[in-house]
Amino acid sequence: MKKVLLPILTLFTFLFVINREANAQTPYRTALGLGIDLGDGQTLFGPQIKHSFGRNDAVNAQVLFGDNITVVGVDYSYNERIRGTRGLSWYVGVGPQASFIDYGKWHGDWDDDYHWKDGNTHTHFAIRPALGLEFRIPSAPLAMHFDWKPWWNLSHGSNFEASRFSLGFKFVLK
């Protein structure tokens, strides 16, 4: 995993340094779409909205769903266009997240002997940094992103999951 992350981090650091003078205005103001959170563990899907304000600043909010889990998160990101491209930008951000996990009303072992378990729900709080690329199709109101978005759980046995990623497809409203 470290062999994969080091080149990615190096690439993003390089892009950050060479593009400081780039035109930083975000390619759209507001977009709605589908967010997909994947990596180690289960894949989560759900709606998201991204709203840009100022020259480089944006907020992305999402509600993601999976098997017995609902995740609500809001991220701030610094966005900058990549000079010499049409519609391609990079971003770096961070935000809080709350996960509502129902460990299962059904609990069983390998012999399918299931037992009713009630009240086994936990709320987890996390911080999610993000480093990614976003592409707005210049001739259409569509945008997509891909980022590295590790999961740093701060509650119920704090842990850091580095191998999480986010993929999103958005319809640009304005």
Protein backbone atom coordinates (compact mmCIF):
# COMPACT_ATOMS: atom_id res chain seq x y z
CA MET A 1 0.00 0.00 0.00
CA LYS A 2 2.85 2.39 0.83
CA LYS A 3 4.32 1.73 -2.63
CA VAL A 4 1.07 2.99 -4.19
CA LEU A 5 0.51 6.01 -1.94
CA LEU A 6 3.99 7.51 -2.22
CA PRO A 7 3.83 8.07 -6.03
CA ILE A 8 0.29 9.48 -5.74
CA LEU A 9 1.31 11.91 -3.00
CA THR A 10 4.41 12.89 -4.98
CA LEU A 11 2.29 13.58 -8.08
CA PHE A 12 -0.17 15.77 -6.17
CA THR A 13 2.64 17.66 -4.45
CA PHE A 14 4.24 18.29 -7.84
CA LEU A 15 0.92 19.51 -9.28
CA PHE A 16 0.46 21.82 -6.32
CA VAL A 17 3.90 23.40 -6.71
CA ILE A 18 3.84 23.92 -10.50
CA ASN A 19 0.30 25.27 -10.60
CA ARG A 20 0.39 28.00 -7.95
CA GLU A 21 0.04 30.66 -10.66
CA ALA A 22 -2.83 28.92 -12.46
CA ASN A 23 -6.24 30.48 -12.93
CA ALA A 24 -7.87 29.30 -9.74
CA GLN A 25 -11.52 30.00 -10.38
CA THR A 26 -13.66 26.89 -9.98
CA PRO A 27 -15.35 25.65 -13.19
CA TYR A 28 -18.88 25.80 -11.72
CA ARG A 29 -20.87 27.16 -8.80
CA THR A 30 -23.16 24.27 -7.73
CA ALA A 31 -23.46 20.63 -8.74
CA LEU A 32 -25.59 17.66 -7.58
CA GLY A 33 -24.67 14.05 -8.06
CA LEU A 34 -23.85 10.56 -6.87
CA GLY A 35 -20.96 9.87 -4.52
CA ILE A 36 -19.30 6.47 -4.21
CA ASP A 37 -16.95 5.72 -1.30
CA LEU A 38 -14.87 2.59 -1.83
CA GLY A 39 -11.75 0.77 -0.71
CA ASP A 40 -11.13 -1.57 2.22
CA GLY A 41 -14.50 -2.45 3.72
CA GLN A 42 -17.87 -1.99 2.10
CA THR A 43 -18.71 0.35 -0.74
CA LEU A 44 -21.07 3.23 0.08
CA PHE A 45 -23.36 5.13 -2.35
CA GLY A 46 -25.44 8.25 -2.02
CA PRO A 47 -26.31 11.80 -3.07
CA GLN A 48 -23.87 14.67 -2.82
CA ILE A 49 -23.84 18.39 -3.48
CA LYS A 50 -20.83 20.61 -4.11
CA HIS A 51 -21.03 24.37 -3.86
CA SER A 52 -18.14 26.68 -4.74
CA PHE A 53 -17.73 30.06 -3.12
CA GLY A 54 -14.89 32.50 -3.66
CA ARG A 55 -12.10 31.74 -6.10
CA ASN A 56 -10.79 28.48 -4.69
CA ASP A 57 -13.11 27.39 -1.90
CA ALA A 58 -15.86 24.78 -2.00
CA VAL A 59 -18.03 22.72 0.33
CA ASN A 60 -19.11 19.19 -0.52
CA ALA A 61 -21.87 17.47 1.48
CA GLN A 62 -22.94 13.86 1.11
CA VAL A 63 -25.16 11.21 2.63
CA LEU A 64 -23.90 7.71 1.86
CA PHE A 65 -25.62 4.38 2.42
CA GLY A 66 -24.36 0.82 2.75
CA ASP A 67 -25.30 -2.40 4.51
CA ASN A 68 -26.55 -1.26 7.94
CA ILE A 69 -24.63 2.04 7.75
CA THR A 70 -25.52 5.65 6.97
CA VAL A 71 -22.74 8.21 6.68
CA VAL A 72 -23.26 11.99 6.76
CA GLY A 73 -20.31 14.22 5.94
CA VAL A 74 -19.33 17.73 4.93
CA ASP A 75 -15.94 18.61 3.46
CA TYR A 76 -14.18 21.91 2.81
CA SER A 77 -11.83 21.87 -0.19
CA TYR A 78 -9.32 24.19 -1.76
CA ASN A 79 -9.69 23.86 -5.57
CA GLU A 80 -7.40 25.01 -8.34
CA ARG A 81 -7.48 24.53 -12.09
CA ILE A 82 -4.58 22.80 -13.76
CA ARG A 83 -3.03 25.24 -16.20
CA GLY A 84 -3.14 24.20 -19.85
CA THR A 85 -6.20 21.98 -19.44
CA ARG A 86 -9.89 22.55 -20.08
CA GLY A 87 -11.98 21.53 -17.11
CA LEU A 88 -9.37 19.66 -15.06
CA SER A 89 -8.61 20.78 -11.51
CA TRP A 90 -7.06 19.39 -8.34
CA TYR A 91 -8.24 19.85 -4.77
CA VAL A 92 -7.25 19.17 -1.21
CA GLY A 93 -9.68 19.21 1.69
CA VAL A 94 -10.88 17.87 5.00
CA GLY A 95 -14.14 17.46 6.85
CA PRO A 96 -16.03 15.78 9.68
CA GLN A 97 -18.19 12.74 9.24
CA ALA A 98 -20.72 10.87 11.36
CA SER A 99 -21.45 7.20 10.70
CA PHE A 100 -24.58 5.58 12.08
CA ILE A 101 -23.95 1.84 12.18
CA ASP A 102 -26.52 -0.82 13.01
CA TYR A 103 -24.42 -3.88 13.72
CA GLY A 104 -27.36 -5.95 12.71
CA LYS A 105 -30.71 -6.77 14.14
CA TRP A 106 -29.76 -10.25 13.05
CA HIS A 107 -26.63 -11.83 14.39
CA GLY A 108 -25.58 -15.35 13.66
CA ASP A 109 -22.77 -17.77 13.22
CA TRP A 110 -21.77 -20.01 10.32
CA ASP A 111 -24.57 -22.52 10.94
CA ASP A 112 -27.21 -19.85 10.19
CA ASP A 113 -28.55 -19.94 13.73
CA TYR A 114 -29.68 -16.30 13.86
CA HIS A 115 -30.63 -14.48 17.01
CA TRP A 116 -32.52 -11.19 17.35
CA LYS A 117 -30.30 -8.36 18.60
CA ASP A 118 -31.94 -5.06 19.34
CA GLY A 119 -30.30 -1.76 20.27
CA ASN A 120 -26.88 -2.60 18.84
CA THR A 121 -26.41 0.74 17.07
CA HIS A 122 -23.32 2.94 17.31
CA THR A 123 -22.45 6.41 16.09
CA HIS A 124 -18.87 6.91 14.95
CA PHE A 125 -17.17 10.25 14.35
CA ALA A 126 -14.35 10.65 11.85
CA ILE A 127 -12.18 13.18 10.08
CA ARG A 128 -11.75 12.60 6.33
CA PRO A 129 -8.93 14.38 4.51
CA ALA A 130 -9.17 14.33 0.70
CA LEU A 131 -6.74 14.80 -2.17
CA GLY A 132 -8.12 14.48 -5.67
CA LEU A 133 -8.76 15.45 -9.26
CA GLU A 134 -12.00 16.77 -10.74
CA PHE A 135 -12.96 17.06 -14.39
CA ARG A 136 -15.78 19.24 -15.70
CA ILE A 137 -16.72 18.30 -19.25
CA PRO A 138 -16.37 21.67 -21.06
CA SER A 139 -19.23 21.08 -23.52
CA ALA A 140 -21.71 19.52 -21.07
CA PRO A 141 -23.09 20.22 -17.59
CA LEU A 142 -21.30 17.18 -16.17
CA ALA A 143 -18.39 16.78 -13.77
CA MET A 144 -16.63 13.83 -12.14
CA HIS A 145 -14.02 13.42 -9.45
CA PHE A 146 -11.67 10.82 -8.01
CA ASP A 147 -9.82 11.25 -4.75
CA TRP A 148 -7.90 9.55 -2.03
CA LYS A 149 -10.02 9.98 1.09
CA PRO A 150 -8.67 8.12 4.12
CA TRP A 151 -10.96 7.44 7.05
CA TRP A 152 -9.66 8.52 10.48
CA ASN A 153 -12.15 7.21 13.00
CA LEU A 154 -12.01 9.15 16.28
CA SER A 155 -14.45 7.09 18.36
CA HIS A 156 -15.14 3.48 19.37
CA GLY A 157 -11.55 2.27 19.08
CA SER A 158 -9.91 5.04 17.05
CA ASN A 159 -8.25 3.82 13.87
CA PHE A 160 -6.93 5.13 10.55
CA GLU A 161 -7.94 3.47 7.27
CA ALA A 162 -5.67 4.78 4.50
CA SER A 163 -7.09 2.71 1.65
CA ARG A 164 -10.38 4.56 1.06
CA PHE A 165 -11.25 6.45 -2.11
CA SER A 166 -14.14 8.53 -3.41
CA LEU A 167 -15.60 8.68 -6.89
CA GLY A 168 -18.34 11.08 -7.89
CA PHE A 169 -20.50 11.99 -10.86
CA LYS A 170 -22.24 15.38 -10.81
CA PHE A 171 -24.74 17.37 -12.83
CA VAL A 172 -23.73 21.04 -12.89
CA LEU A 173 -26.63 23.33 -12.01
CA LYS A 174 -24.86 26.66 -12.54
